[in-house]
Amino acid sequence: MPEPRRFSPVISLLTVGSIWDGQLGTQLKDLGLTTRKYGLLAHIQGTPGISFSELARRSQITVQTAHTAVRALVDDGLVADATAHAGAASNLRVTEAGARALAEADARLARLDIAFASAAPALSAALEGLHEEPFGEDLQEH
């Protein structure tokens, strides 16, 4: 008889993350947003003129993926890209429509945060601050 698998906090967090990512995705869908687009929109609003490379770094995606996602946000009227030409520094800004969508998305996220914290208060408290790559380079040594 095979031994039972040991508990993995990493797999548990991935599972919980996937479930709540789906919940947030459902909440954002009618706004024309995905969780990734929501994050990008928030970064653009928080850092006007942010470069594509910095946007990609903060979002943990490639620069090419950032360009593609921002193009979709521009096409949807949520972001304006006043970049003069390819290779020029970016000049991204959130449009009025983007600001409205972001404000509504923030309100919906706040409701999900309340639901999550109510369902798992200890986990919610334990997760505070962990989104900043808590282990850095030390993790790769183990």
C-alpha atoms as a PDB file:
ATOM      1  CA  MET A   1       0.000   0.000   0.000  1.00  0.00           C
ATOM      2  CA  PRO A   2       1.509   3.364  -0.956  1.00  0.00           C
ATOM      3  CA  GLU A   3       2.263   5.868   1.773  1.00  0.00           C
ATOM      4  CA  PRO A   4      -0.108   8.823   1.989  1.00  0.00           C
ATOM      5  CA  ARG A   5       1.257  11.975   0.423  1.00  0.00           C
ATOM      6  CA  ARG A   6       2.560  14.504   2.875  1.00  0.00           C
ATOM      7  CA  PHE A   7       0.796  17.826   3.307  1.00  0.00           C
ATOM      8  CA  SER A   8       2.253  20.562   1.107  1.00  0.00           C
ATOM      9  CA  PRO A   9       1.598  24.165   2.119  1.00  0.00           C
ATOM     10  CA  VAL A  10       2.797  25.288  -1.325  1.00  0.00           C
ATOM     11  CA  ILE A  11       0.262  23.089  -3.138  1.00  0.00           C
ATOM     12  CA  SER A  12      -2.422  24.209  -0.697  1.00  0.00           C
ATOM     13  CA  LEU A  13      -1.658  27.881  -1.381  1.00  0.00           C
ATOM     14  CA  LEU A  14      -1.640  27.258  -5.127  1.00  0.00           C
ATOM     15  CA  THR A  15      -5.033  25.583  -4.846  1.00  0.00           C
ATOM     16  CA  VAL A  16      -6.499  28.340  -2.690  1.00  0.00           C
ATOM     17  CA  GLY A  17      -4.975  30.939  -5.033  1.00  0.00           C
ATOM     18  CA  SER A  18      -6.493  29.267  -8.056  1.00  0.00           C
ATOM     19  CA  ILE A  19      -9.935  29.178  -6.461  1.00  0.00           C
ATOM     20  CA  TRP A  20      -9.870  32.862  -5.494  1.00  0.00           C
ATOM     21  CA  ASP A  21      -8.306  33.862  -8.825  1.00  0.00           C
ATOM     22  CA  GLY A  22     -11.349  32.262 -10.445  1.00  0.00           C
ATOM     23  CA  GLN A  23     -13.645  34.169  -8.089  1.00  0.00           C
ATOM     24  CA  LEU A  24     -11.950  37.468  -8.927  1.00  0.00           C
ATOM     25  CA  GLY A  25     -11.964  36.646 -12.642  1.00  0.00           C
ATOM     26  CA  THR A  26     -15.707  36.106 -12.486  1.00  0.00           C
ATOM     27  CA  GLN A  27     -16.157  39.445 -10.719  1.00  0.00           C
ATOM     28  CA  LEU A  28     -14.054  41.294 -13.318  1.00  0.00           C
ATOM     29  CA  LYS A  29     -15.394  39.678 -16.483  1.00  0.00           C
ATOM     30  CA  ASP A  30     -18.246  42.104 -17.170  1.00  0.00           C
ATOM     31  CA  LEU A  31     -15.788  44.995 -16.730  1.00  0.00           C
ATOM     32  CA  GLY A  32     -13.731  43.603 -19.608  1.00  0.00           C
ATOM     33  CA  LEU A  33     -10.901  42.740 -17.237  1.00  0.00           C
ATOM     34  CA  THR A  34      -8.976  39.650 -16.261  1.00  0.00           C
ATOM     35  CA  THR A  35      -6.891  39.455 -13.108  1.00  0.00           C
ATOM     36  CA  ARG A  36      -3.784  40.212 -15.189  1.00  0.00           C
ATOM     37  CA  LYS A  37      -5.374  43.207 -16.937  1.00  0.00           C
ATOM     38  CA  TYR A  38      -6.621  44.457 -13.575  1.00  0.00           C
ATOM     39  CA  GLY A  39      -3.098  44.318 -12.160  1.00  0.00           C
ATOM     40  CA  LEU A  40      -1.614  46.055 -15.179  1.00  0.00           C
ATOM     41  CA  LEU A  41      -4.264  48.765 -15.086  1.00  0.00           C
ATOM     42  CA  ALA A  42      -3.564  49.361 -11.382  1.00  0.00           C
ATOM     43  CA  HIS A  43       0.198  49.598 -12.023  1.00  0.00           C
ATOM     44  CA  ILE A  44      -0.345  52.062 -14.876  1.00  0.00           C
ATOM     45  CA  GLN A  45      -2.634  54.209 -12.749  1.00  0.00           C
ATOM     46  CA  GLY A  46      -0.248  54.081  -9.793  1.00  0.00           C
ATOM     47  CA  THR A  47       2.840  54.889 -11.876  1.00  0.00           C
ATOM     48  CA  PRO A  48       1.971  57.130 -14.828  1.00  0.00           C
ATOM     49  CA  GLY A  49       4.570  56.818 -17.583  1.00  0.00           C
ATOM     50  CA  ILE A  50       5.716  53.412 -16.305  1.00  0.00           C
ATOM     51  CA  SER A  51       7.988  51.609 -18.760  1.00  0.00           C
ATOM     52  CA  PHE A  52       6.949  48.339 -20.325  1.00  0.00           C
ATOM     53  CA  SER A  53       9.953  46.628 -18.743  1.00  0.00           C
ATOM     54  CA  GLU A  54       9.003  47.881 -15.270  1.00  0.00           C
ATOM     55  CA  LEU A  55       5.369  46.961 -15.869  1.00  0.00           C
ATOM     56  CA  ALA A  56       6.467  43.465 -16.886  1.00  0.00           C
ATOM     57  CA  ARG A  57       8.785  43.123 -13.865  1.00  0.00           C
ATOM     58  CA  ARG A  58       6.087  44.177 -11.405  1.00  0.00           C
ATOM     59  CA  SER A  59       3.566  41.850 -13.035  1.00  0.00           C
ATOM     60  CA  GLN A  60       6.028  38.950 -13.349  1.00  0.00           C
ATOM     61  CA  ILE A  61       5.438  38.615 -17.089  1.00  0.00           C
ATOM     62  CA  THR A  62       7.600  39.135 -20.158  1.00  0.00           C
ATOM     63  CA  VAL A  63       7.911  42.529 -21.809  1.00  0.00           C
ATOM     64  CA  GLN A  64       6.296  41.062 -24.936  1.00  0.00           C
ATOM     65  CA  THR A  65       3.311  39.874 -22.870  1.00  0.00           C
ATOM     66  CA  ALA A  66       3.074  43.326 -21.261  1.00  0.00           C
ATOM     67  CA  HIS A  67       2.986  44.944 -24.720  1.00  0.00           C
ATOM     68  CA  THR A  68       0.243  42.559 -25.860  1.00  0.00           C
ATOM     69  CA  ALA A  69      -1.846  43.086 -22.717  1.00  0.00           C
ATOM     70  CA  VAL A  70      -1.464  46.868 -22.829  1.00  0.00           C
ATOM     71  CA  ARG A  71      -2.472  46.847 -26.506  1.00  0.00           C
ATOM     72  CA  ALA A  72      -5.688  45.070 -25.452  1.00  0.00           C
ATOM     73  CA  LEU A  73      -6.274  47.687 -22.725  1.00  0.00           C
ATOM     74  CA  VAL A  74      -5.729  50.441 -25.304  1.00  0.00           C
ATOM     75  CA  ASP A  75      -8.092  48.741 -27.760  1.00  0.00           C
ATOM     76  CA  ASP A  76     -10.710  48.525 -24.983  1.00  0.00           C
ATOM     77  CA  GLY A  77     -10.334  52.251 -24.260  1.00  0.00           C
ATOM     78  CA  LEU A  78      -9.015  51.710 -20.729  1.00  0.00           C
ATOM     79  CA  VAL A  79      -5.456  52.945 -21.341  1.00  0.00           C
ATOM     80  CA  ALA A  80      -4.035  55.631 -23.610  1.00  0.00           C
ATOM     81  CA  ASP A  81      -0.568  55.088 -25.063  1.00  0.00           C
ATOM     82  CA  ALA A  82       0.948  58.362 -26.190  1.00  0.00           C
ATOM     83  CA  THR A  83       4.238  56.721 -27.149  1.00  0.00           C
ATOM     84  CA  ALA A  84       5.493  58.586 -30.184  1.00  0.00           C
ATOM     85  CA  HIS A  85       7.159  55.630 -31.930  1.00  0.00           C
ATOM     86  CA  ALA A  86       8.516  52.145 -31.383  1.00  0.00           C
ATOM     87  CA  GLY A  87      11.537  52.215 -29.118  1.00  0.00           C
ATOM     88  CA  ALA A  88      10.483  55.482 -27.464  1.00  0.00           C
ATOM     89  CA  ALA A  89       9.881  55.651 -23.729  1.00  0.00           C
ATOM     90  CA  SER A  90       6.329  54.684 -22.927  1.00  0.00           C
ATOM     91  CA  ASN A  91       3.766  57.280 -21.967  1.00  0.00           C
ATOM     92  CA  LEU A  92       0.904  55.158 -20.683  1.00  0.00           C
ATOM     93  CA  ARG A  93      -2.001  56.559 -18.732  1.00  0.00           C
ATOM     94  CA  VAL A  94      -5.344  55.257 -17.556  1.00  0.00           C
ATOM     95  CA  THR A  95      -8.297  56.819 -19.377  1.00  0.00           C
ATOM     96  CA  GLU A  96     -11.490  57.987 -17.649  1.00  0.00           C
ATOM     97  CA  ALA A  97     -13.132  54.698 -18.677  1.00  0.00           C
ATOM     98  CA  GLY A  98     -10.153  52.823 -17.263  1.00  0.00           C
ATOM     99  CA  ALA A  99     -10.350  54.737 -13.980  1.00  0.00           C
ATOM    100  CA  ARG A 100     -14.065  53.906 -13.678  1.00  0.00           C
ATOM    101  CA  ALA A 101     -13.428  50.219 -14.427  1.00  0.00           C
ATOM    102  CA  LEU A 102     -10.554  50.145 -11.948  1.00  0.00           C
ATOM    103  CA  ALA A 103     -12.637  51.792  -9.212  1.00  0.00           C
ATOM    104  CA  GLU A 104     -15.427  49.233  -9.715  1.00  0.00           C
ATOM    105  CA  ALA A 105     -12.894  46.377  -9.808  1.00  0.00           C
ATOM    106  CA  ASP A 106     -11.350  47.656  -6.563  1.00  0.00           C
ATOM    107  CA  ALA A 107     -14.792  47.680  -4.904  1.00  0.00           C
ATOM    108  CA  ARG A 108     -15.459  44.116  -6.043  1.00  0.00           C
ATOM    109  CA  LEU A 109     -12.029  42.993  -4.849  1.00  0.00           C
ATOM    110  CA  ALA A 110     -12.695  44.597  -1.461  1.00  0.00           C
ATOM    111  CA  ARG A 111     -15.861  42.503  -1.133  1.00  0.00           C
ATOM    112  CA  LEU A 112     -13.918  39.346  -2.010  1.00  0.00           C
ATOM    113  CA  ASP A 113     -11.231  40.292   0.528  1.00  0.00           C
ATOM    114  CA  ILE A 114     -13.897  40.567   3.227  1.00  0.00           C
ATOM    115  CA  ALA A 115     -15.334  37.183   2.257  1.00  0.00           C
ATOM    116  CA  PHE A 116     -11.894  35.561   2.268  1.00  0.00           C
ATOM    117  CA  ALA A 117     -10.896  37.106   5.602  1.00  0.00           C
ATOM    118  CA  SER A 118     -14.194  35.948   7.111  1.00  0.00           C
ATOM    119  CA  ALA A 119     -13.734  32.407   5.805  1.00  0.00           C
ATOM    120  CA  ALA A 120     -10.064  32.098   6.763  1.00  0.00           C
ATOM    121  CA  PRO A 121      -8.987  34.840   9.195  1.00  0.00           C
ATOM    122  CA  ALA A 122      -5.771  33.113  10.289  1.00  0.00           C
ATOM    123  CA  LEU A 123      -4.718  32.445   6.696  1.00  0.00           C
ATOM    124  CA  SER A 124      -5.610  35.984   5.708  1.00  0.00           C
ATOM    125  CA  ALA A 125      -3.407  37.373   8.494  1.00  0.00           C
ATOM    126  CA  ALA A 126      -0.572  34.960   7.668  1.00  0.00           C
ATOM    127  CA  LEU A 127      -0.586  35.990   4.009  1.00  0.00           C
ATOM    128  CA  GLU A 128      -0.102  39.680   4.775  1.00  0.00           C
ATOM    129  CA  GLY A 129       3.145  40.792   3.148  1.00  0.00           C
ATOM    130  CA  LEU A 130       3.931  37.492   1.400  1.00  0.00           C
ATOM    131  CA  HIS A 131       3.195  38.876  -2.087  1.00  0.00           C
ATOM    132  CA  GLU A 132       6.661  40.442  -2.187  1.00  0.00           C
ATOM    133  CA  GLU A 133       8.627  37.218  -2.871  1.00  0.00           C
ATOM    134  CA  PRO A 134       9.301  36.553   0.826  1.00  0.00           C
ATOM    135  CA  PHE A 135      12.180  34.138   0.389  1.00  0.00           C
ATOM    136  CA  GLY A 136      14.261  35.882  -2.262  1.00  0.00           C
ATOM    137  CA  GLU A 137      17.392  34.114  -3.353  1.00  0.00           C
ATOM    138  CA  ASP A 138      17.571  31.966  -0.193  1.00  0.00           C
ATOM    139  CA  LEU A 139      14.858  29.682  -1.566  1.00  0.00           C
ATOM    140  CA  GLN A 140      17.050  28.628  -4.473  1.00  0.00           C
ATOM    141  CA  GLU A 141      19.812  27.468  -2.126  1.00  0.00           C
ATOM    142  CA  HIS A 142      17.593  24.838  -0.460  1.00  0.00           C
END
